[in-house]
């Protein structure tokens, strides 16, 4: 494996006018991966169900001009909300005018396909068999301009990890990079199956979805520690279904709750 250098970056705390300079300097010194959004859940979802990705998309647009294009959306376990995050994220990017492709890469549940293209008869697997047929399988949203590549599997694939991490998939992504500025892929959960780990070498970055109050620390640690590639390509995390009232108590060192509880007033 070729060594790569990554950094943590917090654009939400910087003036937007500095982002381009920062990205250029990181690229100049050989930074390949950038992790953002680590502590930004209160800005990503200030209220339950209200997602604000505008600043994140702008930051990724700046970083994207320096090589970031293919983004995987993963979680430790099923039903943490990764599919919804992937769909919303891709739609918001498309609405800003960037050519964007959303792929249903979860060959087990295909939740994204059932939601966005329930009548689809063909999709990712057929495209892997014949890349020239991509245009036939992709569906475009009239409202957002987002292109969507569904997944249709007649029966369970026992070799799904081999399919999603195959040479054919790598070649397909290489071709897609020529036509799309962003490619967002909804992947299978990390713990139950090996698909996401098999696919991780093919993409530029991953966004990890964590369900508030449900995903255990041990599950998260086990999921991430089991793959060095996943660790290196982890762009950031989305704390999904967070409780805004409880988030207010997560504050800087010696914040107002520290003062009111630990400091005795004269």
C-alpha atoms as a PDB file:
ATOM      1  CA  UNK A   1       0.000   0.000   0.000  1.00  0.00           C
ATOM      2  CA  UNK A   2       1.360   3.453  -0.920  1.00  0.00           C
ATOM      3  CA  UNK A   3       1.682   5.681   2.180  1.00  0.00           C
ATOM      4  CA  UNK A   4      -0.563   8.753   2.188  1.00  0.00           C
ATOM      5  CA  UNK A   5      -0.802  11.823   4.392  1.00  0.00           C
ATOM      6  CA  UNK A   6      -4.055  13.196   5.773  1.00  0.00           C
ATOM      7  CA  UNK A   7      -5.076  16.000   8.114  1.00  0.00           C
ATOM      8  CA  UNK A   8      -8.058  17.152  10.139  1.00  0.00           C
ATOM      9  CA  UNK A   9      -9.499  20.428   8.853  1.00  0.00           C
ATOM     10  CA  UNK A  10     -12.249  22.585  10.354  1.00  0.00           C
ATOM     11  CA  UNK A  11     -13.475  24.991   7.649  1.00  0.00           C
ATOM     12  CA  UNK A  12     -16.561  25.925   9.677  1.00  0.00           C
ATOM     13  CA  UNK A  13     -14.241  27.782  12.069  1.00  0.00           C
ATOM     14  CA  UNK A  14     -12.374  29.661   9.313  1.00  0.00           C
ATOM     15  CA  UNK A  15     -13.446  32.543   7.060  1.00  0.00           C
ATOM     16  CA  UNK A  16     -14.525  31.121   3.723  1.00  0.00           C
ATOM     17  CA  UNK A  17     -12.034  33.425   2.013  1.00  0.00           C
ATOM     18  CA  UNK A  18      -9.195  31.308   3.447  1.00  0.00           C
ATOM     19  CA  UNK A  19     -10.409  27.911   2.229  1.00  0.00           C
ATOM     20  CA  UNK A  20      -8.855  28.144  -1.229  1.00  0.00           C
ATOM     21  CA  UNK A  21      -5.496  29.146   0.223  1.00  0.00           C
ATOM     22  CA  UNK A  22      -5.617  26.305   2.742  1.00  0.00           C
ATOM     23  CA  UNK A  23      -6.485  23.713   0.081  1.00  0.00           C
ATOM     24  CA  UNK A  24      -3.684  24.901  -2.188  1.00  0.00           C
ATOM     25  CA  UNK A  25      -1.138  24.754   0.624  1.00  0.00           C
ATOM     26  CA  UNK A  26      -2.260  21.274   1.706  1.00  0.00           C
ATOM     27  CA  UNK A  27      -1.960  19.987  -1.853  1.00  0.00           C
ATOM     28  CA  UNK A  28       1.450  21.633  -2.216  1.00  0.00           C
ATOM     29  CA  UNK A  29       2.935  19.764   0.761  1.00  0.00           C
ATOM     30  CA  UNK A  30       1.464  16.424  -0.312  1.00  0.00           C
ATOM     31  CA  UNK A  31      -1.730  16.154   1.727  1.00  0.00           C
ATOM     32  CA  UNK A  32      -3.963  13.561   0.061  1.00  0.00           C
ATOM     33  CA  UNK A  33      -6.890  13.149   2.462  1.00  0.00           C
ATOM     34  CA  UNK A  34      -8.699  15.779   4.528  1.00  0.00           C
ATOM     35  CA  UNK A  35     -11.136  14.946   7.330  1.00  0.00           C
ATOM     36  CA  UNK A  36     -13.799  17.571   7.974  1.00  0.00           C
ATOM     37  CA  UNK A  37     -17.084  17.784   9.866  1.00  0.00           C
ATOM     38  CA  UNK A  38     -15.682  15.971  12.901  1.00  0.00           C
ATOM     39  CA  UNK A  39     -17.311  18.245  15.488  1.00  0.00           C
ATOM     40  CA  UNK A  40     -19.837  19.978  13.258  1.00  0.00           C
ATOM     41  CA  UNK A  41     -23.005  17.987  13.940  1.00  0.00           C
ATOM     42  CA  UNK A  42     -24.822  20.974  15.459  1.00  0.00           C
ATOM     43  CA  UNK A  43     -24.259  22.854  12.200  1.00  0.00           C
ATOM     44  CA  UNK A  44     -25.126  19.910   9.961  1.00  0.00           C
ATOM     45  CA  UNK A  45     -28.409  19.191  11.791  1.00  0.00           C
ATOM     46  CA  UNK A  46     -29.345  22.145  14.042  1.00  0.00           C
ATOM     47  CA  UNK A  47     -32.810  20.680  14.546  1.00  0.00           C
ATOM     48  CA  UNK A  48     -34.069  17.089  14.094  1.00  0.00           C
ATOM     49  CA  UNK A  49     -34.546  16.356  10.404  1.00  0.00           C
ATOM     50  CA  UNK A  50     -33.240  19.781   9.314  1.00  0.00           C
ATOM     51  CA  UNK A  51     -29.993  19.143   7.433  1.00  0.00           C
ATOM     52  CA  UNK A  52     -27.656  21.994   6.482  1.00  0.00           C
ATOM     53  CA  UNK A  53     -24.913  20.840   4.133  1.00  0.00           C
ATOM     54  CA  UNK A  54     -24.400  24.149   2.291  1.00  0.00           C
ATOM     55  CA  UNK A  55     -21.141  25.129   4.022  1.00  0.00           C
ATOM     56  CA  UNK A  56     -19.858  21.535   3.833  1.00  0.00           C
ATOM     57  CA  UNK A  57     -20.556  21.380   0.101  1.00  0.00           C
ATOM     58  CA  UNK A  58     -18.716  24.667  -0.453  1.00  0.00           C
ATOM     59  CA  UNK A  59     -15.732  23.382   1.498  1.00  0.00           C
ATOM     60  CA  UNK A  60     -15.723  20.100  -0.409  1.00  0.00           C
ATOM     61  CA  UNK A  61     -15.999  22.020  -3.678  1.00  0.00           C
ATOM     62  CA  UNK A  62     -12.794  23.860  -2.816  1.00  0.00           C
ATOM     63  CA  UNK A  63     -11.049  20.652  -1.751  1.00  0.00           C
ATOM     64  CA  UNK A  64     -12.485  18.857  -4.783  1.00  0.00           C
ATOM     65  CA  UNK A  65     -10.537  21.113  -7.099  1.00  0.00           C
ATOM     66  CA  UNK A  66      -7.493  19.446  -5.620  1.00  0.00           C
ATOM     67  CA  UNK A  67      -8.595  15.852  -6.263  1.00  0.00           C
ATOM     68  CA  UNK A  68     -11.569  14.874  -4.043  1.00  0.00           C
ATOM     69  CA  UNK A  69     -14.358  13.352  -6.166  1.00  0.00           C
ATOM     70  CA  UNK A  70     -15.700   9.953  -5.041  1.00  0.00           C
ATOM     71  CA  UNK A  71     -17.352   9.910  -1.604  1.00  0.00           C
ATOM     72  CA  UNK A  72     -18.705   6.845   0.169  1.00  0.00           C
ATOM     73  CA  UNK A  73     -21.400   7.089   2.863  1.00  0.00           C
ATOM     74  CA  UNK A  74     -21.105   4.319   5.479  1.00  0.00           C
ATOM     75  CA  UNK A  75     -22.228   3.359   8.981  1.00  0.00           C
ATOM     76  CA  UNK A  76     -21.365   0.630  11.481  1.00  0.00           C
ATOM     77  CA  UNK A  77     -24.807  -0.989  11.515  1.00  0.00           C
ATOM     78  CA  UNK A  78     -28.069  -0.947   9.518  1.00  0.00           C
ATOM     79  CA  UNK A  79     -30.789   1.675  10.103  1.00  0.00           C
ATOM     80  CA  UNK A  80     -28.449   4.454  11.272  1.00  0.00           C
ATOM     81  CA  UNK A  81     -29.657   6.787   8.522  1.00  0.00           C
ATOM     82  CA  UNK A  82     -26.759   6.555   6.044  1.00  0.00           C
ATOM     83  CA  UNK A  83     -29.080   6.096   3.064  1.00  0.00           C
ATOM     84  CA  UNK A  84     -31.042   9.259   3.876  1.00  0.00           C
ATOM     85  CA  UNK A  85     -27.825  11.203   4.432  1.00  0.00           C
ATOM     86  CA  UNK A  86     -26.392   9.966   1.126  1.00  0.00           C
ATOM     87  CA  UNK A  87     -29.527  10.943  -0.808  1.00  0.00           C
ATOM     88  CA  UNK A  88     -29.850  14.383   0.786  1.00  0.00           C
ATOM     89  CA  UNK A  89     -26.153  15.098   0.446  1.00  0.00           C
ATOM     90  CA  UNK A  90     -26.054  14.181  -3.243  1.00  0.00           C
ATOM     91  CA  UNK A  91     -29.234  16.140  -4.006  1.00  0.00           C
ATOM     92  CA  UNK A  92     -27.887  19.272  -2.333  1.00  0.00           C
ATOM     93  CA  UNK A  93     -24.658  19.049  -4.318  1.00  0.00           C
ATOM     94  CA  UNK A  94     -26.625  18.627  -7.554  1.00  0.00           C
ATOM     95  CA  UNK A  95     -28.791  21.641  -6.698  1.00  0.00           C
ATOM     96  CA  UNK A  96     -25.669  23.811  -6.557  1.00  0.00           C
ATOM     97  CA  UNK A  97     -25.070  23.018 -10.226  1.00  0.00           C
ATOM     98  CA  UNK A  98     -22.329  20.403  -9.912  1.00  0.00           C
ATOM     99  CA  UNK A  99     -22.748  17.284 -12.087  1.00  0.00           C
ATOM    100  CA  UNK A 100     -23.370  14.608  -9.450  1.00  0.00           C
ATOM    101  CA  UNK A 101     -24.024  10.875  -9.580  1.00  0.00           C
ATOM    102  CA  UNK A 102     -25.596   8.971  -6.678  1.00  0.00           C
ATOM    103  CA  UNK A 103     -25.020   5.199  -6.681  1.00  0.00           C
ATOM    104  CA  UNK A 104     -26.860   2.588  -4.642  1.00  0.00           C
ATOM    105  CA  UNK A 105     -23.872   0.493  -3.613  1.00  0.00           C
ATOM    106  CA  UNK A 106     -25.675  -1.462  -0.901  1.00  0.00           C
ATOM    107  CA  UNK A 107     -26.347  -4.668  -2.793  1.00  0.00           C
ATOM    108  CA  UNK A 108     -28.070  -6.209   0.235  1.00  0.00           C
ATOM    109  CA  UNK A 109     -30.988  -3.930   1.139  1.00  0.00           C
ATOM    110  CA  UNK A 110     -31.064  -1.597  -1.913  1.00  0.00           C
ATOM    111  CA  UNK A 111     -33.016   0.907   0.220  1.00  0.00           C
ATOM    112  CA  UNK A 112     -31.962   3.822  -1.957  1.00  0.00           C
ATOM    113  CA  UNK A 113     -33.327   2.147  -5.074  1.00  0.00           C
ATOM    114  CA  UNK A 114     -36.646   1.345  -3.414  1.00  0.00           C
ATOM    115  CA  UNK A 115     -36.980   4.992  -2.415  1.00  0.00           C
ATOM    116  CA  UNK A 116     -35.764   6.794  -5.539  1.00  0.00           C
ATOM    117  CA  UNK A 117     -36.394   4.312  -8.354  1.00  0.00           C
ATOM    118  CA  UNK A 118     -38.832   1.618  -7.188  1.00  0.00           C
ATOM    119  CA  UNK A 119     -39.644   0.595 -10.770  1.00  0.00           C
ATOM    120  CA  UNK A 120     -36.040   0.174 -11.898  1.00  0.00           C
ATOM    121  CA  UNK A 121     -35.316  -3.121 -13.649  1.00  0.00           C
ATOM    122  CA  UNK A 122     -31.570  -2.699 -14.166  1.00  0.00           C
ATOM    123  CA  UNK A 123     -28.732  -0.748 -12.622  1.00  0.00           C
ATOM    124  CA  UNK A 124     -25.238  -1.058 -11.170  1.00  0.00           C
ATOM    125  CA  UNK A 125     -24.656  -4.773 -11.772  1.00  0.00           C
ATOM    126  CA  UNK A 126     -25.677  -4.506 -15.439  1.00  0.00           C
ATOM    127  CA  UNK A 127     -23.462  -1.443 -15.864  1.00  0.00           C
ATOM    128  CA  UNK A 128     -20.485  -3.363 -14.476  1.00  0.00           C
ATOM    129  CA  UNK A 129     -21.101  -6.070 -17.047  1.00  0.00           C
ATOM    130  CA  UNK A 130     -21.359  -3.520 -19.864  1.00  0.00           C
ATOM    131  CA  UNK A 131     -20.058  -0.002 -18.978  1.00  0.00           C
ATOM    132  CA  UNK A 132     -21.183   1.359 -22.350  1.00  0.00           C
ATOM    133  CA  UNK A 133     -24.799   0.851 -21.225  1.00  0.00           C
ATOM    134  CA  UNK A 134     -24.509   3.348 -18.342  1.00  0.00           C
ATOM    135  CA  UNK A 135     -26.818   5.898 -19.941  1.00  0.00           C
ATOM    136  CA  UNK A 136     -29.569   3.310 -20.206  1.00  0.00           C
ATOM    137  CA  UNK A 137     -29.525   2.532 -16.474  1.00  0.00           C
ATOM    138  CA  UNK A 138     -29.034   6.011 -14.989  1.00  0.00           C
ATOM    139  CA  UNK A 139     -32.141   7.959 -13.969  1.00  0.00           C
ATOM    140  CA  UNK A 140     -32.110  11.755 -13.712  1.00  0.00           C
ATOM    141  CA  UNK A 141     -34.191  13.831 -11.305  1.00  0.00           C
ATOM    142  CA  UNK A 142     -36.068  16.651 -13.042  1.00  0.00           C
ATOM    143  CA  UNK A 143     -36.185  18.615  -9.787  1.00  0.00           C
ATOM    144  CA  UNK A 144     -32.502  18.502  -8.805  1.00  0.00           C
ATOM    145  CA  UNK A 145     -30.657  17.314 -11.908  1.00  0.00           C
ATOM    146  CA  UNK A 146     -29.144  14.496  -9.858  1.00  0.00           C
ATOM    147  CA  UNK A 147     -28.248  11.325 -11.743  1.00  0.00           C
ATOM    148  CA  UNK A 148     -29.003   8.083  -9.906  1.00  0.00           C
ATOM    149  CA  UNK A 149     -27.651   4.605 -10.651  1.00  0.00           C
ATOM    150  CA  UNK A 150     -29.915   2.070  -8.891  1.00  0.00           C
ATOM    151  CA  UNK A 151     -29.124  -1.493  -7.880  1.00  0.00           C
ATOM    152  CA  UNK A 152     -31.429  -4.310  -8.894  1.00  0.00           C
ATOM    153  CA  UNK A 153     -30.558  -7.820  -7.734  1.00  0.00           C
ATOM    154  CA  UNK A 154     -32.988 -10.687  -8.258  1.00  0.00           C
ATOM    155  CA  UNK A 155     -31.557 -12.773  -5.414  1.00  0.00           C
ATOM    156  CA  UNK A 156     -29.023 -12.294  -2.646  1.00  0.00           C
ATOM    157  CA  UNK A 157     -25.422 -11.935  -3.802  1.00  0.00           C
ATOM    158  CA  UNK A 158     -23.108 -14.093  -1.713  1.00  0.00           C
ATOM    159  CA  UNK A 159     -20.086 -12.449  -3.360  1.00  0.00           C
ATOM    160  CA  UNK A 160     -21.258  -8.840  -3.036  1.00  0.00           C
ATOM    161  CA  UNK A 161     -17.872  -7.697  -1.650  1.00  0.00           C
ATOM    162  CA  UNK A 162     -16.141  -9.134  -4.717  1.00  0.00           C
ATOM    163  CA  UNK A 163     -18.582  -7.304  -6.979  1.00  0.00           C
ATOM    164  CA  UNK A 164     -18.378  -3.901  -5.264  1.00  0.00           C
ATOM    165  CA  UNK A 165     -14.586  -4.045  -4.978  1.00  0.00           C
ATOM    166  CA  UNK A 166     -13.916  -5.552  -8.389  1.00  0.00           C
ATOM    167  CA  UNK A 167     -11.639  -4.378 -11.189  1.00  0.00           C
ATOM    168  CA  UNK A 168     -14.781  -3.677 -13.216  1.00  0.00           C
ATOM    169  CA  UNK A 169     -15.964  -1.295 -10.484  1.00  0.00           C
ATOM    170  CA  UNK A 170     -12.599   0.471 -10.456  1.00  0.00           C
ATOM    171  CA  UNK A 171     -12.750   0.915 -14.229  1.00  0.00           C
ATOM    172  CA  UNK A 172     -16.333   2.171 -14.035  1.00  0.00           C
ATOM    173  CA  UNK A 173     -15.400   4.794 -11.436  1.00  0.00           C
ATOM    174  CA  UNK A 174     -12.464   5.885 -13.568  1.00  0.00           C
ATOM    175  CA  UNK A 175     -14.830   6.489 -16.474  1.00  0.00           C
ATOM    176  CA  UNK A 176     -17.433   8.224 -14.289  1.00  0.00           C
ATOM    177  CA  UNK A 177     -14.842  10.678 -12.977  1.00  0.00           C
ATOM    178  CA  UNK A 178     -14.614  12.107 -16.494  1.00  0.00           C
ATOM    179  CA  UNK A 179     -18.317  13.016 -16.512  1.00  0.00           C
ATOM    180  CA  UNK A 180     -19.149  13.921 -12.906  1.00  0.00           C
ATOM    181  CA  UNK A 181     -17.639  16.343 -10.429  1.00  0.00           C
ATOM    182  CA  UNK A 182     -18.977  14.334  -7.499  1.00  0.00           C
ATOM    183  CA  UNK A 183     -19.897  10.674  -7.113  1.00  0.00           C
ATOM    184  CA  UNK A 184     -21.717   9.742  -3.899  1.00  0.00           C
ATOM    185  CA  UNK A 185     -22.135   6.060  -3.061  1.00  0.00           C
ATOM    186  CA  UNK A 186     -24.428   4.578  -0.419  1.00  0.00           C
ATOM    187  CA  UNK A 187     -22.497   1.569   0.884  1.00  0.00           C
ATOM    188  CA  UNK A 188     -23.459  -1.396   3.035  1.00  0.00           C
ATOM    189  CA  UNK A 189     -22.857  -1.122   6.819  1.00  0.00           C
ATOM    190  CA  UNK A 190     -19.305  -1.951   7.862  1.00  0.00           C
ATOM    191  CA  UNK A 191     -19.907  -4.541  10.592  1.00  0.00           C
ATOM    192  CA  UNK A 192     -22.321  -7.099   9.045  1.00  0.00           C
ATOM    193  CA  UNK A 193     -20.572  -7.451   5.662  1.00  0.00           C
ATOM    194  CA  UNK A 194     -17.182  -6.745   4.068  1.00  0.00           C
ATOM    195  CA  UNK A 195     -18.454  -4.650   1.139  1.00  0.00           C
ATOM    196  CA  UNK A 196     -17.403  -1.208   2.403  1.00  0.00           C
ATOM    197  CA  UNK A 197     -13.922  -2.397   3.338  1.00  0.00           C
ATOM    198  CA  UNK A 198     -13.515  -4.063  -0.058  1.00  0.00           C
ATOM    199  CA  UNK A 199     -14.657  -0.891  -1.792  1.00  0.00           C
ATOM    200  CA  UNK A 200     -12.640   1.613   0.285  1.00  0.00           C
ATOM    201  CA  UNK A 201      -9.445   1.475  -1.858  1.00  0.00           C
ATOM    202  CA  UNK A 202     -11.449   2.672  -4.884  1.00  0.00           C
ATOM    203  CA  UNK A 203     -12.759   5.934  -3.465  1.00  0.00           C
ATOM    204  CA  UNK A 204     -11.337   9.263  -2.329  1.00  0.00           C
ATOM    205  CA  UNK A 205     -13.146   9.682   0.980  1.00  0.00           C
ATOM    206  CA  UNK A 206     -15.804   8.278   3.299  1.00  0.00           C
ATOM    207  CA  UNK A 207     -18.380   9.995   5.490  1.00  0.00           C
ATOM    208  CA  UNK A 208     -19.387   8.003   8.554  1.00  0.00           C
ATOM    209  CA  UNK A 209     -22.991   8.166   9.785  1.00  0.00           C
ATOM    210  CA  UNK A 210     -23.474   7.554  13.514  1.00  0.00           C
ATOM    211  CA  UNK A 211     -26.915   7.351  15.124  1.00  0.00           C
ATOM    212  CA  UNK A 212     -27.232   9.408  18.287  1.00  0.00           C
ATOM    213  CA  UNK A 213     -27.819   7.285  21.386  1.00  0.00           C
ATOM    214  CA  UNK A 214     -27.819   3.992  19.463  1.00  0.00           C
ATOM    215  CA  UNK A 215     -24.401   3.285  17.969  1.00  0.00           C
ATOM    216  CA  UNK A 216     -22.112   2.053  20.737  1.00  0.00           C
ATOM    217  CA  UNK A 217     -18.548   3.262  21.079  1.00  0.00           C
ATOM    218  CA  UNK A 218     -17.289  -0.312  20.843  1.00  0.00           C
ATOM    219  CA  UNK A 219     -19.162  -0.891  17.571  1.00  0.00           C
ATOM    220  CA  UNK A 220     -17.698   2.273  16.091  1.00  0.00           C
ATOM    221  CA  UNK A 221     -14.173   1.438  17.232  1.00  0.00           C
ATOM    222  CA  UNK A 222     -14.426  -2.107  15.916  1.00  0.00           C
ATOM    223  CA  UNK A 223     -15.712  -0.912  12.543  1.00  0.00           C
ATOM    224  CA  UNK A 224     -12.994   1.656  11.978  1.00  0.00           C
ATOM    225  CA  UNK A 225     -10.044  -0.153  13.553  1.00  0.00           C
ATOM    226  CA  UNK A 226     -10.606  -3.164  11.298  1.00  0.00           C
ATOM    227  CA  UNK A 227      -9.597  -1.283   8.140  1.00  0.00           C
ATOM    228  CA  UNK A 228      -6.496   0.881   7.754  1.00  0.00           C
ATOM    229  CA  UNK A 229      -7.729   2.156   4.397  1.00  0.00           C
ATOM    230  CA  UNK A 230     -11.065   3.202   5.882  1.00  0.00           C
ATOM    231  CA  UNK A 231      -9.251   5.075   8.648  1.00  0.00           C
ATOM    232  CA  UNK A 232      -7.130   7.002   6.166  1.00  0.00           C
ATOM    233  CA  UNK A 233     -10.058   7.913   3.950  1.00  0.00           C
ATOM    234  CA  UNK A 234     -12.480   8.911   6.691  1.00  0.00           C
ATOM    235  CA  UNK A 235     -13.469  12.454   5.811  1.00  0.00           C
ATOM    236  CA  UNK A 236     -15.739  13.088   8.776  1.00  0.00           C
ATOM    237  CA  UNK A 237     -18.824  11.947  10.634  1.00  0.00           C
ATOM    238  CA  UNK A 238     -22.506  12.871  10.720  1.00  0.00           C
ATOM    239  CA  UNK A 239     -24.175  12.431  14.101  1.00  0.00           C
ATOM    240  CA  UNK A 240     -27.642  11.494  12.896  1.00  0.00           C
ATOM    241  CA  UNK A 241     -30.924  12.017  14.774  1.00  0.00           C
ATOM    242  CA  UNK A 242     -29.112  14.056  17.405  1.00  0.00           C
ATOM    243  CA  UNK A 243     -30.921  15.658  20.339  1.00  0.00           C
ATOM    244  CA  UNK A 244     -30.324  19.439  20.053  1.00  0.00           C
ATOM    245  CA  UNK A 245     -31.036  20.019  23.746  1.00  0.00           C
ATOM    246  CA  UNK A 246     -28.401  17.502  24.780  1.00  0.00           C
ATOM    247  CA  UNK A 247     -25.931  18.858  22.218  1.00  0.00           C
ATOM    248  CA  UNK A 248     -26.037  22.223  23.935  1.00  0.00           C
ATOM    249  CA  UNK A 249     -24.314  20.627  26.892  1.00  0.00           C
ATOM    250  CA  UNK A 250     -21.397  19.525  24.731  1.00  0.00           C
ATOM    251  CA  UNK A 251     -19.284  22.636  24.924  1.00  0.00           C
ATOM    252  CA  UNK A 252     -15.782  24.002  25.061  1.00  0.00           C
ATOM    253  CA  UNK A 253     -13.550  23.401  28.068  1.00  0.00           C
ATOM    254  CA  UNK A 254     -14.724  25.509  31.037  1.00  0.00           C
ATOM    255  CA  UNK A 255     -17.894  26.621  29.262  1.00  0.00           C
ATOM    256  CA  UNK A 256     -20.963  28.026  30.982  1.00  0.00           C
ATOM    257  CA  UNK A 257     -22.001  24.711  32.549  1.00  0.00           C
ATOM    258  CA  UNK A 258     -18.538  24.353  34.046  1.00  0.00           C
ATOM    259  CA  UNK A 259     -18.804  27.836  35.532  1.00  0.00           C
ATOM    260  CA  UNK A 260     -22.283  27.320  36.948  1.00  0.00           C
ATOM    261  CA  UNK A 261     -21.502  23.934  38.501  1.00  0.00           C
ATOM    262  CA  UNK A 262     -17.867  23.891  39.530  1.00  0.00           C
ATOM    263  CA  UNK A 263     -17.119  27.495  40.425  1.00  0.00           C
ATOM    264  CA  UNK A 264     -18.292  28.896  43.718  1.00  0.00           C
ATOM    265  CA  UNK A 265     -19.456  32.457  43.491  1.00  0.00           C
ATOM    266  CA  UNK A 266     -18.753  34.924  46.276  1.00  0.00           C
END
